Amino acid sequence: MGKNSFLEEVSSRSGQSFNGCYQCLSCGGGCPVVEAMDYNPNQIIRMVQRGMRQEVLS
């Protein structure tokens, strides 16, 4: 695997590319459960992009 194996793993399992996210925050704006989340959707995406496996999965 490459430099960020966690990003590659998440992309592979989800079938989605996370490289196009530019942190516009629109994913969290329409999320009905964002108030109950520890991290907003855009924060999760950024953590995946940065390879923060432990933080995302805990």
PDB file of N, CA and C in Angstrom:
ATOM      1  N   MET A   1       0.838  -1.184   0.000  1.00  0.00           N
ATOM      2  CA  MET A   1       0.000   0.000   0.000  1.00  0.00           C
ATOM      3  C   MET A   1       0.880   1.243   0.000  1.00  0.00           C
ATOM      4  N   GLY A   2       0.269   2.370  -0.310  1.00  0.00           N
ATOM      5  CA  GLY A   2       1.009   3.613  -0.449  1.00  0.00           C
ATOM      6  C   GLY A   2       1.208   4.356   0.851  1.00  0.00           C
ATOM      7  N   LYS A   3       1.456   5.626   0.701  1.00  0.00           N
ATOM      8  CA  LYS A   3       1.766   6.498   1.837  1.00  0.00           C
ATOM      9  C   LYS A   3       0.653   6.513   2.877  1.00  0.00           C
ATOM     10  N   ASN A   4      -0.601   6.574   2.420  1.00  0.00           N
ATOM     11  CA  ASN A   4      -1.731   6.609   3.349  1.00  0.00           C
ATOM     12  C   ASN A   4      -2.593   5.375   3.118  1.00  0.00           C
ATOM     13  N   SER A   5      -2.201   4.276   3.726  1.00  0.00           N
ATOM     14  CA  SER A   5      -2.919   3.023   3.518  1.00  0.00           C
ATOM     15  C   SER A   5      -4.335   3.073   4.082  1.00  0.00           C
ATOM     16  N   PHE A   6      -4.569   3.880   5.124  1.00  0.00           N
ATOM     17  CA  PHE A   6      -5.917   3.990   5.685  1.00  0.00           C
ATOM     18  C   PHE A   6      -6.853   4.646   4.675  1.00  0.00           C
ATOM     19  N   LEU A   7      -6.412   5.712   4.022  1.00  0.00           N
ATOM     20  CA  LEU A   7      -7.210   6.360   2.984  1.00  0.00           C
ATOM     21  C   LEU A   7      -7.508   5.383   1.851  1.00  0.00           C
ATOM     22  N   GLU A   8      -6.516   4.638   1.429  1.00  0.00           N
ATOM     23  CA  GLU A   8      -6.706   3.645   0.374  1.00  0.00           C
ATOM     24  C   GLU A   8      -7.698   2.570   0.803  1.00  0.00           C
ATOM     25  N   GLU A   9      -7.596   2.116   2.040  1.00  0.00           N
ATOM     26  CA  GLU A   9      -8.506   1.087   2.549  1.00  0.00           C
ATOM     27  C   GLU A   9      -9.947   1.592   2.592  1.00  0.00           C
ATOM     28  N   VAL A  10     -10.147   2.795   3.122  1.00  0.00           N
ATOM     29  CA  VAL A  10     -11.497   3.362   3.213  1.00  0.00           C
ATOM     30  C   VAL A  10     -12.069   3.585   1.817  1.00  0.00           C
ATOM     31  N   SER A  11     -11.262   4.103   0.906  1.00  0.00           N
ATOM     32  CA  SER A  11     -11.714   4.328  -0.467  1.00  0.00           C
ATOM     33  C   SER A  11     -12.098   3.017  -1.141  1.00  0.00           C
ATOM     34  N   SER A  12     -11.285   1.994  -0.931  1.00  0.00           N
ATOM     35  CA  SER A  12     -11.550   0.690  -1.530  1.00  0.00           C
ATOM     36  C   SER A  12     -12.832   0.065  -0.985  1.00  0.00           C
ATOM     37  N   ARG A  13     -12.994   0.094   0.319  1.00  0.00           N
ATOM     38  CA  ARG A  13     -14.173  -0.522   0.944  1.00  0.00           C
ATOM     39  C   ARG A  13     -15.459   0.234   0.639  1.00  0.00           C
ATOM     40  N   SER A  14     -15.366   1.559   0.548  1.00  0.00           N
ATOM     41  CA  SER A  14     -16.571   2.366   0.325  1.00  0.00           C
ATOM     42  C   SER A  14     -16.888   2.555  -1.153  1.00  0.00           C
ATOM     43  N   GLY A  15     -15.885   2.368  -2.002  1.00  0.00           N
ATOM     44  CA  GLY A  15     -16.078   2.625  -3.424  1.00  0.00           C
ATOM     45  C   GLY A  15     -16.115   4.114  -3.749  1.00  0.00           C
ATOM     46  N   GLN A  16     -15.654   4.935  -2.811  1.00  0.00           N
ATOM     47  CA  GLN A  16     -15.676   6.395  -2.973  1.00  0.00           C
ATOM     48  C   GLN A  16     -14.250   6.943  -2.932  1.00  0.00           C
ATOM     49  N   SER A  17     -14.048   8.025  -3.661  1.00  0.00           N
ATOM     50  CA  SER A  17     -12.771   8.728  -3.593  1.00  0.00           C
ATOM     51  C   SER A  17     -12.915   9.907  -2.649  1.00  0.00           C
ATOM     52  N   PHE A  18     -11.974  10.055  -1.754  1.00  0.00           N
ATOM     53  CA  PHE A  18     -12.009  11.159  -0.801  1.00  0.00           C
ATOM     54  C   PHE A  18     -11.084  12.290  -1.222  1.00  0.00           C
ATOM     55  N   ASN A  19     -10.478  12.160  -2.389  1.00  0.00           N
ATOM     56  CA  ASN A  19      -9.546  13.173  -2.866  1.00  0.00           C
ATOM     57  C   ASN A  19     -10.241  14.435  -3.346  1.00  0.00           C
ATOM     58  N   GLY A  20     -11.523  14.355  -3.666  1.00  0.00           N
ATOM     59  CA  GLY A  20     -12.252  15.511  -4.177  1.00  0.00           C
ATOM     60  C   GLY A  20     -12.823  16.410  -3.102  1.00  0.00           C
ATOM     61  N   CYS A  21     -12.706  16.038  -1.847  1.00  0.00           N
ATOM     62  CA  CYS A  21     -13.269  16.844  -0.765  1.00  0.00           C
ATOM     63  C   CYS A  21     -12.412  18.078  -0.544  1.00  0.00           C
ATOM     64  N   TYR A  22     -13.030  19.237  -0.644  1.00  0.00           N
ATOM     65  CA  TYR A  22     -12.300  20.481  -0.389  1.00  0.00           C
ATOM     66  C   TYR A  22     -12.870  21.230   0.809  1.00  0.00           C
ATOM     67  N   GLN A  23     -13.511  20.478   1.711  1.00  0.00           N
ATOM     68  CA  GLN A  23     -13.968  21.003   2.997  1.00  0.00           C
ATOM     69  C   GLN A  23     -14.958  22.157   2.858  1.00  0.00           C
ATOM     70  N   CYS A  24     -15.955  21.983   1.977  1.00  0.00           N
ATOM     71  CA  CYS A  24     -16.970  23.023   1.775  1.00  0.00           C
ATOM     72  C   CYS A  24     -18.029  23.014   2.878  1.00  0.00           C
ATOM     73  N   LEU A  25     -18.071  21.941   3.670  1.00  0.00           N
ATOM     74  CA  LEU A  25     -18.987  21.763   4.802  1.00  0.00           C
ATOM     75  C   LEU A  25     -20.424  21.440   4.403  1.00  0.00           C
ATOM     76  N   SER A  26     -20.704  21.252   3.112  1.00  0.00           N
ATOM     77  CA  SER A  26     -22.087  20.963   2.716  1.00  0.00           C
ATOM     78  C   SER A  26     -22.542  19.575   3.171  1.00  0.00           C
ATOM     79  N   CYS A  27     -21.631  18.640   3.377  1.00  0.00           N
ATOM     80  CA  CYS A  27     -22.026  17.305   3.840  1.00  0.00           C
ATOM     81  C   CYS A  27     -22.584  17.358   5.259  1.00  0.00           C
ATOM     82  N   GLY A  28     -22.058  18.208   6.088  1.00  0.00           N
ATOM     83  CA  GLY A  28     -22.541  18.342   7.462  1.00  0.00           C
ATOM     84  C   GLY A  28     -23.781  19.197   7.568  1.00  0.00           C
ATOM     85  N   GLY A  29     -23.957  20.095   6.610  1.00  0.00           N
ATOM     86  CA  GLY A  29     -25.107  20.994   6.637  1.00  0.00           C
ATOM     87  C   GLY A  29     -26.430  20.281   6.474  1.00  0.00           C
ATOM     88  N   GLY A  30     -26.436  19.175   5.754  1.00  0.00           N
ATOM     89  CA  GLY A  30     -27.666  18.439   5.528  1.00  0.00           C
ATOM     90  C   GLY A  30     -27.791  17.178   6.349  1.00  0.00           C
ATOM     91  N   CYS A  31     -26.858  16.937   7.234  1.00  0.00           N
ATOM     92  CA  CYS A  31     -26.855  15.704   8.020  1.00  0.00           C
ATOM     93  C   CYS A  31     -27.798  15.836   9.218  1.00  0.00           C
ATOM     94  N   PRO A  32     -28.823  14.986   9.306  1.00  0.00           N
ATOM     95  CA  PRO A  32     -29.797  15.108  10.392  1.00  0.00           C
ATOM     96  C   PRO A  32     -29.278  14.671  11.764  1.00  0.00           C
ATOM     97  N   VAL A  33     -28.166  13.964  11.813  1.00  0.00           N
ATOM     98  CA  VAL A  33     -27.648  13.486  13.094  1.00  0.00           C
ATOM     99  C   VAL A  33     -26.338  14.161  13.500  1.00  0.00           C
ATOM    100  N   VAL A  34     -25.977  15.232  12.818  1.00  0.00           N
ATOM    101  CA  VAL A  34     -24.696  15.886  13.088  1.00  0.00           C
ATOM    102  C   VAL A  34     -24.592  16.367  14.537  1.00  0.00           C
ATOM    103  N   GLU A  35     -25.703  16.724  15.150  1.00  0.00           N
ATOM    104  CA  GLU A  35     -25.690  17.190  16.544  1.00  0.00           C
ATOM    105  C   GLU A  35     -25.264  16.090  17.523  1.00  0.00           C
ATOM    106  N   ALA A  36     -25.514  14.845  17.170  1.00  0.00           N
ATOM    107  CA  ALA A  36     -25.195  13.722  18.055  1.00  0.00           C
ATOM    108  C   ALA A  36     -23.801  13.146  17.799  1.00  0.00           C
ATOM    109  N   MET A  37     -23.098  13.688  16.821  1.00  0.00           N
ATOM    110  CA  MET A  37     -21.791  13.155  16.440  1.00  0.00           C
ATOM    111  C   MET A  37     -20.668  13.855  17.197  1.00  0.00           C
ATOM    112  N   ASP A  38     -19.617  13.106  17.510  1.00  0.00           N
ATOM    113  CA  ASP A  38     -18.427  13.707  18.120  1.00  0.00           C
ATOM    114  C   ASP A  38     -17.662  14.549  17.105  1.00  0.00           C
ATOM    115  N   TYR A  39     -17.658  14.101  15.847  1.00  0.00           N
ATOM    116  CA  TYR A  39     -16.985  14.809  14.759  1.00  0.00           C
ATOM    117  C   TYR A  39     -17.982  15.027  13.630  1.00  0.00           C
ATOM    118  N   ASN A  40     -17.900  16.162  12.978  1.00  0.00           N
ATOM    119  CA  ASN A  40     -18.735  16.432  11.811  1.00  0.00           C
ATOM    120  C   ASN A  40     -18.245  15.592  10.638  1.00  0.00           C
ATOM    121  N   PRO A  41     -19.100  15.339   9.634  1.00  0.00           N
ATOM    122  CA  PRO A  41     -18.673  14.537   8.483  1.00  0.00           C
ATOM    123  C   PRO A  41     -17.406  15.068   7.814  1.00  0.00           C
ATOM    124  N   ASN A  42     -17.292  16.383   7.666  1.00  0.00           N
ATOM    125  CA  ASN A  42     -16.095  16.935   7.026  1.00  0.00           C
ATOM    126  C   ASN A  42     -14.839  16.688   7.868  1.00  0.00           C
ATOM    127  N   GLN A  43     -14.990  16.644   9.179  1.00  0.00           N
ATOM    128  CA  GLN A  43     -13.849  16.350  10.045  1.00  0.00           C
ATOM    129  C   GLN A  43     -13.414  14.895   9.886  1.00  0.00           C
ATOM    130  N   ILE A  44     -14.380  13.999   9.758  1.00  0.00           N
ATOM    131  CA  ILE A  44     -14.067  12.580   9.540  1.00  0.00           C
ATOM    132  C   ILE A  44     -13.320  12.410   8.224  1.00  0.00           C
ATOM    133  N   ILE A  45     -13.802  13.057   7.171  1.00  0.00           N
ATOM    134  CA  ILE A  45     -13.143  12.953   5.870  1.00  0.00           C
ATOM    135  C   ILE A  45     -11.712  13.463   5.959  1.00  0.00           C
ATOM    136  N   ARG A  46     -11.498  14.591   6.616  1.00  0.00           N
ATOM    137  CA  ARG A  46     -10.146  15.147   6.748  1.00  0.00           C
ATOM    138  C   ARG A  46      -9.258  14.198   7.548  1.00  0.00           C
ATOM    139  N   MET A  47      -9.789  13.586   8.593  1.00  0.00           N
ATOM    140  CA  MET A  47      -9.006  12.650   9.393  1.00  0.00           C
ATOM    141  C   MET A  47      -8.638  11.413   8.576  1.00  0.00           C
ATOM    142  N   VAL A  48      -9.557  10.933   7.735  1.00  0.00           N
ATOM    143  CA  VAL A  48      -9.248   9.810   6.849  1.00  0.00           C
ATOM    144  C   VAL A  48      -8.143  10.222   5.882  1.00  0.00           C
ATOM    145  N   GLN A  49      -8.255  11.418   5.307  1.00  0.00           N
ATOM    146  CA  GLN A  49      -7.241  11.903   4.378  1.00  0.00           C
ATOM    147  C   GLN A  49      -5.868  12.000   5.044  1.00  0.00           C
ATOM    148  N   ARG A  50      -5.839  12.295   6.307  1.00  0.00           N
ATOM    149  CA  ARG A  50      -4.572  12.440   7.037  1.00  0.00           C
ATOM    150  C   ARG A  50      -4.074  11.126   7.633  1.00  0.00           C
ATOM    151  N   GLY A  51      -4.832  10.053   7.434  1.00  0.00           N
ATOM    152  CA  GLY A  51      -4.392   8.746   7.917  1.00  0.00           C
ATOM    153  C   GLY A  51      -4.585   8.530   9.403  1.00  0.00           C
ATOM    154  N   MET A  52      -5.526   9.229   9.996  1.00  0.00           N
ATOM    155  CA  MET A  52      -5.755   9.162  11.443  1.00  0.00           C
ATOM    156  C   MET A  52      -6.691   8.002  11.797  1.00  0.00           C
ATOM    157  N   ARG A  53      -6.235   6.803  11.512  1.00  0.00           N
ATOM    158  CA  ARG A  53      -7.031   5.584  11.680  1.00  0.00           C
ATOM    159  C   ARG A  53      -7.603   5.434  13.095  1.00  0.00           C
ATOM    160  N   GLN A  54      -6.762   5.531  14.096  1.00  0.00           N
ATOM    161  CA  GLN A  54      -7.189   5.310  15.482  1.00  0.00           C
ATOM    162  C   GLN A  54      -8.282   6.291  15.889  1.00  0.00           C
ATOM    163  N   GLU A  55      -8.128   7.554  15.528  1.00  0.00           N
ATOM    164  CA  GLU A  55      -9.102   8.575  15.895  1.00  0.00           C
ATOM    165  C   GLU A  55     -10.445   8.344  15.211  1.00  0.00           C
ATOM    166  N   VAL A  56     -10.408   7.939  13.957  1.00  0.00           N
ATOM    167  CA  VAL A  56     -11.645   7.699  13.206  1.00  0.00           C
ATOM    168  C   VAL A  56     -12.381   6.477  13.739  1.00  0.00           C
ATOM    169  N   LEU A  57     -11.651   5.434  14.063  1.00  0.00           N
ATOM    170  CA  LEU A  57     -12.283   4.174  14.458  1.00  0.00           C
ATOM    171  C   LEU A  57     -12.585   4.067  15.950  1.00  0.00           C
ATOM    172  N   SER A  58     -12.201   5.052  16.730  1.00  0.00           N
ATOM    173  CA  SER A  58     -12.481   4.970  18.170  1.00  0.00           C
ATOM    174  C   SER A  58     -13.660   5.832  18.559  1.00  0.00           C
TER     175      SER A  58
END
